[in-house]
């Protein structure tokens, strides 16, 4: 049967290790000296909230850019169709001219 004191020491050691890792991940600012567990966890929570806000803004911007891209794509397709129509009108006009040119000679 495991010794409860040993298990407790292992848990505390694991907690210290996790807190040290957390310090490496969370920007601590000017007061990067000694932090209490509570202050470190509070900073971590605020940092996570900030990252979530940035992610929400980035996703919103991506959606806006995708809408704009679809709009521009539709405009480009419309312009392409108009150009084909204009080209076909131009080619039919030039073929009519060449027919009349042949008739005059």
Protein backbone atom coordinates (compact mmCIF):
# COMPACT_ATOMS: atom_id res chain seq x y z
CA UNK A 1 0.00 0.00 0.00
CA UNK A 2 1.48 3.42 -0.99
CA UNK A 3 2.59 5.76 1.77
CA UNK A 4 0.21 8.81 1.87
CA UNK A 5 3.12 11.12 2.76
CA UNK A 6 5.02 10.02 -0.35
CA UNK A 7 1.92 10.53 -2.53
CA UNK A 8 1.43 13.99 -1.04
CA UNK A 9 5.06 14.93 -1.77
CA UNK A 10 4.69 13.63 -5.33
CA UNK A 11 1.54 15.74 -5.85
CA UNK A 12 3.25 18.86 -4.50
CA UNK A 13 6.29 18.23 -6.71
CA UNK A 14 3.98 17.76 -9.71
CA UNK A 15 2.14 20.97 -8.84
CA UNK A 16 5.44 22.91 -8.57
CA UNK A 17 6.54 21.54 -11.93
CA UNK A 18 3.23 22.56 -13.55
CA UNK A 19 3.42 26.03 -12.03
CA UNK A 20 6.98 26.46 -13.35
CA UNK A 21 5.78 25.45 -16.82
CA UNK A 22 2.90 27.88 -16.51
CA UNK A 23 5.33 30.70 -15.65
CA UNK A 24 7.08 29.99 -18.93
CA UNK A 25 3.84 30.28 -20.88
CA UNK A 26 2.24 33.32 -19.23
CA UNK A 27 3.68 36.81 -19.76
CA UNK A 28 4.46 38.04 -16.25
CA UNK A 29 5.43 41.61 -17.07
CA UNK A 30 7.69 43.73 -14.88
CA UNK A 31 6.83 41.82 -11.70
CA UNK A 32 8.35 38.60 -12.97
CA UNK A 33 9.97 37.86 -9.59
CA UNK A 34 8.25 35.75 -7.00
CA UNK A 35 4.59 35.02 -7.71
CA UNK A 36 2.05 33.39 -5.50
CA UNK A 37 0.13 30.50 -6.97
CA UNK A 38 -2.99 32.65 -6.93
CA UNK A 39 -1.36 35.57 -8.77
CA UNK A 40 0.12 33.21 -11.36
CA UNK A 41 -3.23 31.49 -11.95
CA UNK A 42 -4.98 34.88 -12.15
CA UNK A 43 -2.48 36.10 -14.75
CA UNK A 44 -2.91 32.84 -16.66
CA UNK A 45 -6.69 33.26 -16.68
CA UNK A 46 -6.40 36.86 -17.94
CA UNK A 47 -3.91 35.79 -20.59
CA UNK A 48 -6.25 33.03 -21.78
CA UNK A 49 -9.15 35.52 -21.96
CA UNK A 50 -6.99 37.90 -24.00
CA UNK A 51 -6.05 35.09 -26.39
CA UNK A 52 -9.70 34.05 -26.74
CA UNK A 53 -10.66 37.66 -27.55
CA UNK A 54 -7.90 37.85 -30.16
CA UNK A 55 -9.09 34.56 -31.65
CA UNK A 56 -12.70 35.81 -31.82
CA UNK A 57 -11.58 39.03 -33.54
CA UNK A 58 -9.41 37.06 -35.98
CA UNK A 59 -12.28 34.70 -36.83
CA UNK A 60 -14.59 37.68 -37.37
CA UNK A 61 -12.02 39.27 -39.66
CA UNK A 62 -11.63 36.00 -41.59
CA UNK A 63 -15.42 35.85 -42.09
CA UNK A 64 -15.48 39.46 -43.31
CA UNK A 65 -12.61 38.80 -45.72
CA UNK A 66 -14.31 35.65 -47.02
CA UNK A 67 -17.53 37.61 -47.67
CA UNK A 68 -15.53 40.30 -49.46
CA UNK A 69 -13.70 37.66 -51.49
CA UNK A 70 -17.01 36.07 -52.59
CA UNK A 71 -18.36 39.50 -53.54
CA UNK A 72 -15.24 40.33 -55.57
CA UNK A 73 -15.33 36.89 -57.18
CA UNK A 74 -18.93 37.51 -58.31
CA UNK A 75 -17.94 40.93 -59.68
CA UNK A 76 -15.02 39.37 -61.55
CA UNK A 77 -17.28 36.70 -63.04
CA UNK A 78 -19.78 39.39 -64.11
CA UNK A 79 -17.00 41.39 -65.76
CA UNK A 80 -15.78 38.25 -67.49
CA UNK A 81 -19.26 37.57 -68.88
CA UNK A 82 -19.62 41.18 -70.04
CA UNK A 83 -16.25 40.99 -71.75
CA UNK A 84 -17.25 37.79 -73.57
CA UNK A 85 -20.49 39.50 -74.68
CA UNK A 86 -18.61 42.61 -75.82
CA UNK A 87 -16.01 40.47 -77.63
CA UNK A 88 -18.73 38.50 -79.40
CA UNK A 89 -20.51 41.72 -80.43
CA UNK A 90 -17.22 43.09 -81.70
CA UNK A 91 -16.41 39.95 -83.67
CA UNK A 92 -19.89 39.84 -85.24
CA UNK A 93 -19.53 43.52 -86.21
CA UNK A 94 -16.13 42.90 -87.78
CA UNK A 95 -17.45 39.87 -89.70
CA UNK A 96 -20.36 42.02 -90.99
CA UNK A 97 -17.82 44.64 -92.08
CA UNK A 98 -15.68 42.07 -93.85
CA UNK A 99 -18.79 40.75 -95.68
CA UNK A 100 -19.61 44.29 -96.84
CA UNK A 101 -15.95 44.83 -97.76
CA UNK A 102 -16.07 41.79 -100.03
CA UNK A 103 -19.28 43.02 -101.64
CA UNK A 104 -17.77 46.40 -102.48
CA UNK A 105 -14.74 45.07 -104.29
